[in-house]
Amino acid sequence: MSLTILPSHLLAIAALYLLWHHRSDLLRAVYRLRAARLHAYMEMHWRCRIVSMVGRVDDDSADRWIAGVRALETSGAILHALIHTNGGASQAATRVKNALSTYPHEVVADIPGFAWSAGTSIALSCDRIVLGPDSVLGPCDRAWTRSDDMVWAVDQVAAHEQGVPVDVVHARRAIEEASAEVLTYRARRRALADKRYRHHAANPTAADEHLAEQLVRGGWGFHWRPIFRADARALGLDIEDATPASLRDFAELARLTMLSLPEDQR
């Protein structure tokens, strides 16, 4: 029995190989299309203009985001900056902050998930910040790479002042913050069980110097110590609660946009 391979078989095999070889690119294209459709729907449904600032903050992403902001300057529209990032280059974030701070109309930072580091510094350049119940900000102190590791500026200064290795400063912060979390969350659950827990928003007009002390100079703690909605209010930030519907849409747009990016840009 002979096996006959027709040209059509070869074409089918080649097509399957190409699909498999480029599957990541195809999936990203699908996510990009879905994100574009949701973006258009949200702008129409919510009657707003959105610039998605999703993924790593670097020169390439900053160029895209700034172009989106500048394109809307003559629209007269409120700008909603969807921020969803683990942070990135401080000099790129500075360029984005400059564009947002000079936008001639209101700017709202919508953060359905996380805006770490440079993402928080970008959000601070907006008029208002909208957070969900589980959204997080983070300190925006700066760092640089040394011996394949990150060195945070505030910890380097603390280590110098105390005369100890910077790793000791890291360890002290980790112990203090882990201990504080145990105490905070156990007390919160106990108060909630006793039906005494209430949400009390702090004064949202604290001085910018206080924010700089907490978020830039290390007052809040280690770089990756999260800042939840209640924490942000306690720091004096103007925080608004996302509605369930808007949170759902912005979270989905952030997810789709992130999945549409190459892994080295996320």
C-alpha atoms as a PDB file:
ATOM      1  CA  MET A   1       0.000   0.000   0.000  1.00  0.00           C
ATOM      2  CA  SER A   2       1.535   3.294  -1.077  1.00  0.00           C
ATOM      3  CA  LEU A   3       1.085   6.608   0.656  1.00  0.00           C
ATOM      4  CA  THR A   4       0.296   9.439  -1.677  1.00  0.00           C
ATOM      5  CA  ILE A   5       1.012  12.986  -0.537  1.00  0.00           C
ATOM      6  CA  LEU A   6      -0.796  15.538  -2.598  1.00  0.00           C
ATOM      7  CA  PRO A   7       0.203  19.207  -2.916  1.00  0.00           C
ATOM      8  CA  SER A   8      -2.966  20.100  -1.009  1.00  0.00           C
ATOM      9  CA  HIS A   9      -1.745  18.002   1.913  1.00  0.00           C
ATOM     10  CA  LEU A  10       1.545  19.876   1.947  1.00  0.00           C
ATOM     11  CA  LEU A  11      -0.279  23.204   1.879  1.00  0.00           C
ATOM     12  CA  ALA A  12      -2.482  22.129   4.790  1.00  0.00           C
ATOM     13  CA  ILE A  13       0.534  21.001   6.803  1.00  0.00           C
ATOM     14  CA  ALA A  14       2.334  24.256   6.047  1.00  0.00           C
ATOM     15  CA  ALA A  15      -0.721  26.279   7.072  1.00  0.00           C
ATOM     16  CA  LEU A  16      -1.016  24.366  10.357  1.00  0.00           C
ATOM     17  CA  TYR A  17       2.681  24.884  11.041  1.00  0.00           C
ATOM     18  CA  LEU A  18       2.417  28.608  10.410  1.00  0.00           C
ATOM     19  CA  LEU A  19      -0.621  28.868  12.649  1.00  0.00           C
ATOM     20  CA  TRP A  20       1.181  27.011  15.425  1.00  0.00           C
ATOM     21  CA  HIS A  21       4.420  28.931  14.976  1.00  0.00           C
ATOM     22  CA  HIS A  22       2.642  32.309  15.066  1.00  0.00           C
ATOM     23  CA  ARG A  23      -0.063  31.361  17.569  1.00  0.00           C
ATOM     24  CA  SER A  24       1.096  33.974  20.090  1.00  0.00           C
ATOM     25  CA  ASP A  25       0.924  36.739  17.497  1.00  0.00           C
ATOM     26  CA  LEU A  26      -2.525  35.579  16.399  1.00  0.00           C
ATOM     27  CA  LEU A  27      -3.808  35.474  19.979  1.00  0.00           C
ATOM     28  CA  ARG A  28      -2.482  38.964  20.642  1.00  0.00           C
ATOM     29  CA  ALA A  29      -4.202  40.181  17.484  1.00  0.00           C
ATOM     30  CA  VAL A  30      -7.495  38.699  18.685  1.00  0.00           C
ATOM     31  CA  TYR A  31      -7.098  40.346  22.097  1.00  0.00           C
ATOM     32  CA  ARG A  32      -6.184  43.630  20.407  1.00  0.00           C
ATOM     33  CA  LEU A  33      -9.357  43.498  18.301  1.00  0.00           C
ATOM     34  CA  ARG A  34     -11.505  42.676  21.334  1.00  0.00           C
ATOM     35  CA  ALA A  35      -9.890  45.515  23.301  1.00  0.00           C
ATOM     36  CA  ALA A  36     -10.531  47.979  20.455  1.00  0.00           C
ATOM     37  CA  ARG A  37     -14.194  46.974  20.271  1.00  0.00           C
ATOM     38  CA  LEU A  38     -14.645  47.303  24.032  1.00  0.00           C
ATOM     39  CA  HIS A  39     -12.805  50.639  24.010  1.00  0.00           C
ATOM     40  CA  ALA A  40     -15.199  52.010  21.383  1.00  0.00           C
ATOM     41  CA  TYR A  41     -18.225  50.662  23.260  1.00  0.00           C
ATOM     42  CA  MET A  42     -17.084  52.212  26.543  1.00  0.00           C
ATOM     43  CA  GLU A  43     -16.466  55.626  25.014  1.00  0.00           C
ATOM     44  CA  MET A  44     -19.962  55.565  23.544  1.00  0.00           C
ATOM     45  CA  HIS A  45     -21.708  54.039  26.571  1.00  0.00           C
ATOM     46  CA  TRP A  46     -19.913  56.042  29.253  1.00  0.00           C
ATOM     47  CA  ARG A  47     -19.655  59.190  27.093  1.00  0.00           C
ATOM     48  CA  CYS A  48     -15.981  59.676  27.785  1.00  0.00           C
ATOM     49  CA  ARG A  49     -12.608  59.504  26.042  1.00  0.00           C
ATOM     50  CA  ILE A  50     -10.139  56.867  27.184  1.00  0.00           C
ATOM     51  CA  VAL A  51      -6.391  56.491  26.835  1.00  0.00           C
ATOM     52  CA  SER A  52      -5.242  53.016  27.889  1.00  0.00           C
ATOM     53  CA  MET A  53      -1.962  53.237  29.787  1.00  0.00           C
ATOM     54  CA  VAL A  54      -1.461  49.512  30.168  1.00  0.00           C
ATOM     55  CA  GLY A  55       1.781  47.584  30.427  1.00  0.00           C
ATOM     56  CA  ARG A  56       5.368  48.469  31.186  1.00  0.00           C
ATOM     57  CA  VAL A  57       6.243  52.169  31.344  1.00  0.00           C
ATOM     58  CA  ASP A  58       9.076  52.769  28.872  1.00  0.00           C
ATOM     59  CA  ASP A  59       9.880  55.110  26.006  1.00  0.00           C
ATOM     60  CA  ASP A  60       7.777  53.201  23.465  1.00  0.00           C
ATOM     61  CA  SER A  61       4.679  53.013  25.642  1.00  0.00           C
ATOM     62  CA  ALA A  62       5.131  56.644  26.711  1.00  0.00           C
ATOM     63  CA  ASP A  63       5.154  57.705  23.051  1.00  0.00           C
ATOM     64  CA  ARG A  64       1.849  55.896  22.434  1.00  0.00           C
ATOM     65  CA  TRP A  65       0.152  57.221  25.546  1.00  0.00           C
ATOM     66  CA  ILE A  66       1.305  60.802  25.023  1.00  0.00           C
ATOM     67  CA  ALA A  67       0.075  60.713  21.426  1.00  0.00           C
ATOM     68  CA  GLY A  68      -3.332  59.576  22.692  1.00  0.00           C
ATOM     69  CA  VAL A  69      -3.471  62.423  25.213  1.00  0.00           C
ATOM     70  CA  ARG A  70      -2.372  65.086  22.728  1.00  0.00           C
ATOM     71  CA  ALA A  71      -4.915  63.903  20.150  1.00  0.00           C
ATOM     72  CA  LEU A  72      -7.741  64.681  22.575  1.00  0.00           C
ATOM     73  CA  GLU A  73      -6.603  68.145  23.697  1.00  0.00           C
ATOM     74  CA  THR A  74      -8.962  69.989  21.322  1.00  0.00           C
ATOM     75  CA  SER A  75     -11.881  67.615  21.900  1.00  0.00           C
ATOM     76  CA  GLY A  76     -13.154  69.388  25.014  1.00  0.00           C
ATOM     77  CA  ALA A  77     -13.648  65.953  26.587  1.00  0.00           C
ATOM     78  CA  ILE A  78     -12.867  64.658  30.048  1.00  0.00           C
ATOM     79  CA  LEU A  79      -9.920  62.306  29.707  1.00  0.00           C
ATOM     80  CA  HIS A  80     -10.042  58.949  31.461  1.00  0.00           C
ATOM     81  CA  ALA A  81      -6.559  57.459  31.818  1.00  0.00           C
ATOM     82  CA  LEU A  82      -6.871  53.710  32.315  1.00  0.00           C
ATOM     83  CA  ILE A  83      -3.719  52.847  34.272  1.00  0.00           C
ATOM     84  CA  HIS A  84      -2.736  49.201  34.678  1.00  0.00           C
ATOM     85  CA  THR A  85       0.997  48.683  35.125  1.00  0.00           C
ATOM     86  CA  ASN A  86       3.756  47.259  37.288  1.00  0.00           C
ATOM     87  CA  GLY A  87       5.754  50.426  36.671  1.00  0.00           C
ATOM     88  CA  GLY A  88       8.907  50.988  34.677  1.00  0.00           C
ATOM     89  CA  ALA A  89      11.282  53.761  33.686  1.00  0.00           C
ATOM     90  CA  SER A  90      10.959  56.966  35.699  1.00  0.00           C
ATOM     91  CA  GLN A  91      12.062  59.219  32.832  1.00  0.00           C
ATOM     92  CA  ALA A  92       9.334  57.788  30.589  1.00  0.00           C
ATOM     93  CA  ALA A  93       6.760  58.285  33.353  1.00  0.00           C
ATOM     94  CA  THR A  94       7.878  61.918  33.662  1.00  0.00           C
ATOM     95  CA  ARG A  95       7.027  62.524  30.017  1.00  0.00           C
ATOM     96  CA  VAL A  96       3.561  61.015  30.492  1.00  0.00           C
ATOM     97  CA  LYS A  97       2.986  63.089  33.635  1.00  0.00           C
ATOM     98  CA  ASN A  98       3.911  66.235  31.753  1.00  0.00           C
ATOM     99  CA  ALA A  99       1.313  65.467  29.062  1.00  0.00           C
ATOM    100  CA  LEU A 100      -1.413  64.725  31.612  1.00  0.00           C
ATOM    101  CA  SER A 101      -0.620  67.737  33.780  1.00  0.00           C
ATOM    102  CA  THR A 102      -1.000  70.081  30.806  1.00  0.00           C
ATOM    103  CA  TYR A 103      -4.186  68.525  29.401  1.00  0.00           C
ATOM    104  CA  PRO A 104      -6.662  71.446  29.188  1.00  0.00           C
ATOM    105  CA  HIS A 105      -9.654  69.539  30.590  1.00  0.00           C
ATOM    106  CA  GLU A 106     -10.344  67.265  33.535  1.00  0.00           C
ATOM    107  CA  VAL A 107      -8.238  64.118  33.834  1.00  0.00           C
ATOM    108  CA  VAL A 108      -9.440  61.054  35.728  1.00  0.00           C
ATOM    109  CA  ALA A 109      -7.200  58.093  36.566  1.00  0.00           C
ATOM    110  CA  ASP A 110      -9.164  54.820  36.446  1.00  0.00           C
ATOM    111  CA  ILE A 111      -7.287  51.997  38.172  1.00  0.00           C
ATOM    112  CA  PRO A 112      -9.299  48.759  38.197  1.00  0.00           C
ATOM    113  CA  GLY A 113      -6.353  46.576  39.223  1.00  0.00           C
ATOM    114  CA  PHE A 114      -2.888  47.877  40.010  1.00  0.00           C
ATOM    115  CA  ALA A 115      -0.756  50.925  39.296  1.00  0.00           C
ATOM    116  CA  TRP A 116       2.572  50.224  40.943  1.00  0.00           C
ATOM    117  CA  SER A 117       5.531  52.563  41.162  1.00  0.00           C
ATOM    118  CA  ALA A 118       5.627  54.748  38.036  1.00  0.00           C
ATOM    119  CA  GLY A 119       1.925  53.974  37.566  1.00  0.00           C
ATOM    120  CA  THR A 120       1.149  55.672  40.874  1.00  0.00           C
ATOM    121  CA  SER A 121       3.269  58.692  39.973  1.00  0.00           C
ATOM    122  CA  ILE A 122       1.304  58.983  36.721  1.00  0.00           C
ATOM    123  CA  ALA A 123      -1.997  58.762  38.620  1.00  0.00           C
ATOM    124  CA  LEU A 124      -0.854  61.587  40.912  1.00  0.00           C
ATOM    125  CA  SER A 125      -0.787  63.876  37.870  1.00  0.00           C
ATOM    126  CA  CYS A 126      -4.549  63.447  37.381  1.00  0.00           C
ATOM    127  CA  ASP A 127      -7.368  65.440  38.961  1.00  0.00           C
ATOM    128  CA  ARG A 128      -9.137  62.429  40.420  1.00  0.00           C
ATOM    129  CA  ILE A 129      -8.324  58.769  41.025  1.00  0.00           C
ATOM    130  CA  VAL A 130     -11.001  56.068  40.796  1.00  0.00           C
ATOM    131  CA  LEU A 131     -10.280  52.778  42.569  1.00  0.00           C
ATOM    132  CA  GLY A 132     -12.139  49.526  43.048  1.00  0.00           C
ATOM    133  CA  PRO A 133     -12.262  47.764  46.427  1.00  0.00           C
ATOM    134  CA  ASP A 134      -9.210  45.650  45.546  1.00  0.00           C
ATOM    135  CA  SER A 135      -7.283  48.144  43.404  1.00  0.00           C
ATOM    136  CA  VAL A 136      -3.800  49.030  44.595  1.00  0.00           C
ATOM    137  CA  LEU A 137      -1.337  51.862  44.275  1.00  0.00           C
ATOM    138  CA  GLY A 138       2.227  51.749  45.546  1.00  0.00           C
ATOM    139  CA  PRO A 139       5.154  53.926  46.613  1.00  0.00           C
ATOM    140  CA  CYS A 140       6.927  55.663  43.729  1.00  0.00           C
ATOM    141  CA  ASP A 141      10.422  55.979  45.141  1.00  0.00           C
ATOM    142  CA  ARG A 142      13.142  55.419  42.560  1.00  0.00           C
ATOM    143  CA  ALA A 143      15.656  52.632  42.088  1.00  0.00           C
ATOM    144  CA  TRP A 144      18.528  51.509  39.894  1.00  0.00           C
ATOM    145  CA  THR A 145      20.117  48.162  39.061  1.00  0.00           C
ATOM    146  CA  ARG A 146      23.281  47.104  40.868  1.00  0.00           C
ATOM    147  CA  SER A 147      24.781  43.606  40.641  1.00  0.00           C
ATOM    148  CA  ASP A 148      21.667  42.213  38.971  1.00  0.00           C
ATOM    149  CA  ASP A 149      19.458  43.533  41.774  1.00  0.00           C
ATOM    150  CA  MET A 150      17.352  46.616  42.371  1.00  0.00           C
ATOM    151  CA  VAL A 151      18.549  49.176  44.890  1.00  0.00           C
ATOM    152  CA  TRP A 152      15.896  51.561  46.192  1.00  0.00           C
ATOM    153  CA  ALA A 153      17.113  55.078  46.834  1.00  0.00           C
ATOM    154  CA  VAL A 154      15.400  55.521  50.219  1.00  0.00           C
ATOM    155  CA  ASP A 155      16.784  52.191  51.472  1.00  0.00           C
ATOM    156  CA  GLN A 156      20.288  53.071  50.311  1.00  0.00           C
ATOM    157  CA  VAL A 157      20.098  56.311  52.294  1.00  0.00           C
ATOM    158  CA  ALA A 158      18.711  54.503  55.353  1.00  0.00           C
ATOM    159  CA  ALA A 159      21.463  51.886  55.160  1.00  0.00           C
ATOM    160  CA  HIS A 160      24.121  54.598  54.963  1.00  0.00           C
ATOM    161  CA  GLU A 161      22.671  56.468  57.946  1.00  0.00           C
ATOM    162  CA  GLN A 162      22.378  53.308  60.043  1.00  0.00           C
ATOM    163  CA  GLY A 163      25.696  51.822  58.981  1.00  0.00           C
ATOM    164  CA  VAL A 164      24.170  48.476  57.985  1.00  0.00           C
ATOM    165  CA  PRO A 165      23.869  46.616  54.644  1.00  0.00           C
ATOM    166  CA  VAL A 166      20.927  47.586  52.494  1.00  0.00           C
ATOM    167  CA  ASP A 167      19.653  43.978  52.774  1.00  0.00           C
ATOM    168  CA  VAL A 168      19.192  44.535  56.503  1.00  0.00           C
ATOM    169  CA  VAL A 169      17.027  47.570  55.759  1.00  0.00           C
ATOM    170  CA  HIS A 170      14.953  45.442  53.348  1.00  0.00           C
ATOM    171  CA  ALA A 171      14.550  42.729  56.003  1.00  0.00           C
ATOM    172  CA  ARG A 172      13.505  45.191  58.708  1.00  0.00           C
ATOM    173  CA  ARG A 173      10.882  46.715  56.447  1.00  0.00           C
ATOM    174  CA  ALA A 174       9.554  43.280  55.473  1.00  0.00           C
ATOM    175  CA  ILE A 175       9.236  42.188  59.119  1.00  0.00           C
ATOM    176  CA  GLU A 176       7.568  45.424  60.209  1.00  0.00           C
ATOM    177  CA  GLU A 177       5.086  45.431  57.347  1.00  0.00           C
ATOM    178  CA  ALA A 178       4.209  41.720  57.671  1.00  0.00           C
ATOM    179  CA  SER A 179       3.580  42.213  61.383  1.00  0.00           C
ATOM    180  CA  ALA A 180       1.437  45.287  60.735  1.00  0.00           C
ATOM    181  CA  GLU A 181      -0.653  43.353  58.202  1.00  0.00           C
ATOM    182  CA  VAL A 182      -1.379  40.586  60.722  1.00  0.00           C
ATOM    183  CA  LEU A 183      -2.524  43.111  63.314  1.00  0.00           C
ATOM    184  CA  THR A 184      -4.525  45.222  60.837  1.00  0.00           C
ATOM    185  CA  TYR A 185      -6.438  42.439  59.121  1.00  0.00           C
ATOM    186  CA  ARG A 186      -7.194  40.456  62.284  1.00  0.00           C
ATOM    187  CA  ALA A 187      -8.527  43.610  63.960  1.00  0.00           C
ATOM    188  CA  ARG A 188     -10.598  44.414  60.882  1.00  0.00           C
ATOM    189  CA  ARG A 189     -12.198  40.956  60.847  1.00  0.00           C
ATOM    190  CA  ARG A 190     -12.892  41.102  64.566  1.00  0.00           C
ATOM    191  CA  ALA A 191     -14.540  44.531  64.259  1.00  0.00           C
ATOM    192  CA  LEU A 192     -16.576  43.367  61.268  1.00  0.00           C
ATOM    193  CA  ALA A 193     -17.775  40.296  63.152  1.00  0.00           C
ATOM    194  CA  ASP A 194     -18.851  42.577  66.003  1.00  0.00           C
ATOM    195  CA  LYS A 195     -20.702  44.775  63.471  1.00  0.00           C
ATOM    196  CA  ARG A 196     -18.723  47.780  64.559  1.00  0.00           C
ATOM    197  CA  TYR A 197     -16.635  48.188  61.407  1.00  0.00           C
ATOM    198  CA  ARG A 198     -17.412  51.334  59.443  1.00  0.00           C
ATOM    199  CA  HIS A 199     -15.609  53.034  56.571  1.00  0.00           C
ATOM    200  CA  HIS A 200     -14.237  56.431  57.544  1.00  0.00           C
ATOM    201  CA  ALA A 201     -12.626  58.432  54.781  1.00  0.00           C
ATOM    202  CA  ALA A 202      -9.795  60.680  55.927  1.00  0.00           C
ATOM    203  CA  ASN A 203      -9.445  64.280  54.920  1.00  0.00           C
ATOM    204  CA  PRO A 204      -8.627  64.163  51.158  1.00  0.00           C
ATOM    205  CA  THR A 205      -6.822  67.543  51.121  1.00  0.00           C
ATOM    206  CA  ALA A 206      -3.500  66.645  52.796  1.00  0.00           C
ATOM    207  CA  ALA A 207      -0.466  68.642  51.665  1.00  0.00           C
ATOM    208  CA  ASP A 208       1.567  67.516  48.672  1.00  0.00           C
ATOM    209  CA  GLU A 209       4.621  67.503  50.920  1.00  0.00           C
ATOM    210  CA  HIS A 210       3.012  64.805  53.045  1.00  0.00           C
ATOM    211  CA  LEU A 211       2.382  62.685  49.928  1.00  0.00           C
ATOM    212  CA  ALA A 212       5.996  63.124  48.845  1.00  0.00           C
ATOM    213  CA  GLU A 213       7.192  62.090  52.295  1.00  0.00           C
ATOM    214  CA  GLN A 214       5.068  58.948  52.243  1.00  0.00           C
ATOM    215  CA  LEU A 215       5.307  57.877  48.602  1.00  0.00           C
ATOM    216  CA  VAL A 216       8.693  59.142  47.434  1.00  0.00           C
ATOM    217  CA  ARG A 217      10.881  59.425  50.537  1.00  0.00           C
ATOM    218  CA  GLY A 218       9.944  56.048  52.004  1.00  0.00           C
ATOM    219  CA  GLY A 219       7.519  57.049  54.732  1.00  0.00           C
ATOM    220  CA  TRP A 220       4.926  54.502  53.597  1.00  0.00           C
ATOM    221  CA  GLY A 221       7.410  51.645  53.634  1.00  0.00           C
ATOM    222  CA  PHE A 222       9.058  49.333  51.171  1.00  0.00           C
ATOM    223  CA  HIS A 223       8.531  49.876  47.458  1.00  0.00           C
ATOM    224  CA  TRP A 224       6.034  47.032  47.030  1.00  0.00           C
ATOM    225  CA  ARG A 225       3.918  47.740  50.093  1.00  0.00           C
ATOM    226  CA  PRO A 226       0.382  48.076  48.630  1.00  0.00           C
ATOM    227  CA  ILE A 227      -1.828  51.104  49.068  1.00  0.00           C
ATOM    228  CA  PHE A 228      -5.493  50.153  49.004  1.00  0.00           C
ATOM    229  CA  ARG A 229      -8.439  52.500  48.699  1.00  0.00           C
ATOM    230  CA  ALA A 230      -8.744  53.273  52.405  1.00  0.00           C
ATOM    231  CA  ASP A 231      -4.970  53.730  52.669  1.00  0.00           C
ATOM    232  CA  ALA A 232      -4.972  56.164  49.756  1.00  0.00           C
ATOM    233  CA  ARG A 233      -7.673  58.223  51.424  1.00  0.00           C
ATOM    234  CA  ALA A 234      -5.716  58.226  54.664  1.00  0.00           C
ATOM    235  CA  LEU A 235      -2.760  59.616  52.723  1.00  0.00           C
ATOM    236  CA  GLY A 236      -4.927  62.497  51.557  1.00  0.00           C
ATOM    237  CA  LEU A 237      -5.497  61.438  47.962  1.00  0.00           C
ATOM    238  CA  ASP A 238      -8.739  62.403  46.228  1.00  0.00           C
ATOM    239  CA  ILE A 239     -10.136  58.901  45.729  1.00  0.00           C
ATOM    240  CA  GLU A 240     -13.501  57.940  44.268  1.00  0.00           C
ATOM    241  CA  ASP A 241     -15.153  54.517  44.413  1.00  0.00           C
ATOM    242  CA  ALA A 242     -15.591  52.831  41.050  1.00  0.00           C
ATOM    243  CA  THR A 243     -19.147  51.739  40.349  1.00  0.00           C
ATOM    244  CA  PRO A 244     -19.564  47.990  39.786  1.00  0.00           C
ATOM    245  CA  ALA A 245     -20.437  48.530  36.112  1.00  0.00           C
ATOM    246  CA  SER A 246     -17.539  50.863  35.336  1.00  0.00           C
ATOM    247  CA  LEU A 247     -15.118  48.706  37.320  1.00  0.00           C
ATOM    248  CA  ARG A 248     -16.160  45.654  35.314  1.00  0.00           C
ATOM    249  CA  ASP A 249     -15.668  47.404  31.972  1.00  0.00           C
ATOM    250  CA  PHE A 250     -12.372  49.073  32.853  1.00  0.00           C
ATOM    251  CA  ALA A 251     -11.013  45.848  34.357  1.00  0.00           C
ATOM    252  CA  GLU A 252     -11.897  43.901  31.216  1.00  0.00           C
ATOM    253  CA  LEU A 253     -10.365  46.550  28.971  1.00  0.00           C
ATOM    254  CA  ALA A 254      -7.194  46.472  31.072  1.00  0.00           C
ATOM    255  CA  ARG A 255      -7.063  42.672  30.879  1.00  0.00           C
ATOM    256  CA  LEU A 256      -7.560  42.528  27.114  1.00  0.00           C
ATOM    257  CA  THR A 257      -5.077  45.310  26.461  1.00  0.00           C
ATOM    258  CA  MET A 258      -2.443  43.651  28.645  1.00  0.00           C
ATOM    259  CA  LEU A 259      -2.928  40.313  26.858  1.00  0.00           C
ATOM    260  CA  SER A 260      -2.540  42.047  23.492  1.00  0.00           C
ATOM    261  CA  LEU A 261       1.000  43.142  24.403  1.00  0.00           C
ATOM    262  CA  PRO A 262       4.174  41.085  23.948  1.00  0.00           C
ATOM    263  CA  GLU A 263       5.358  39.637  27.223  1.00  0.00           C
ATOM    264  CA  ASP A 264       8.347  41.990  27.448  1.00  0.00           C
ATOM    265  CA  GLN A 265       5.978  44.977  27.324  1.00  0.00           C
ATOM    266  CA  ARG A 266       3.633  43.824  30.101  1.00  0.00           C
END
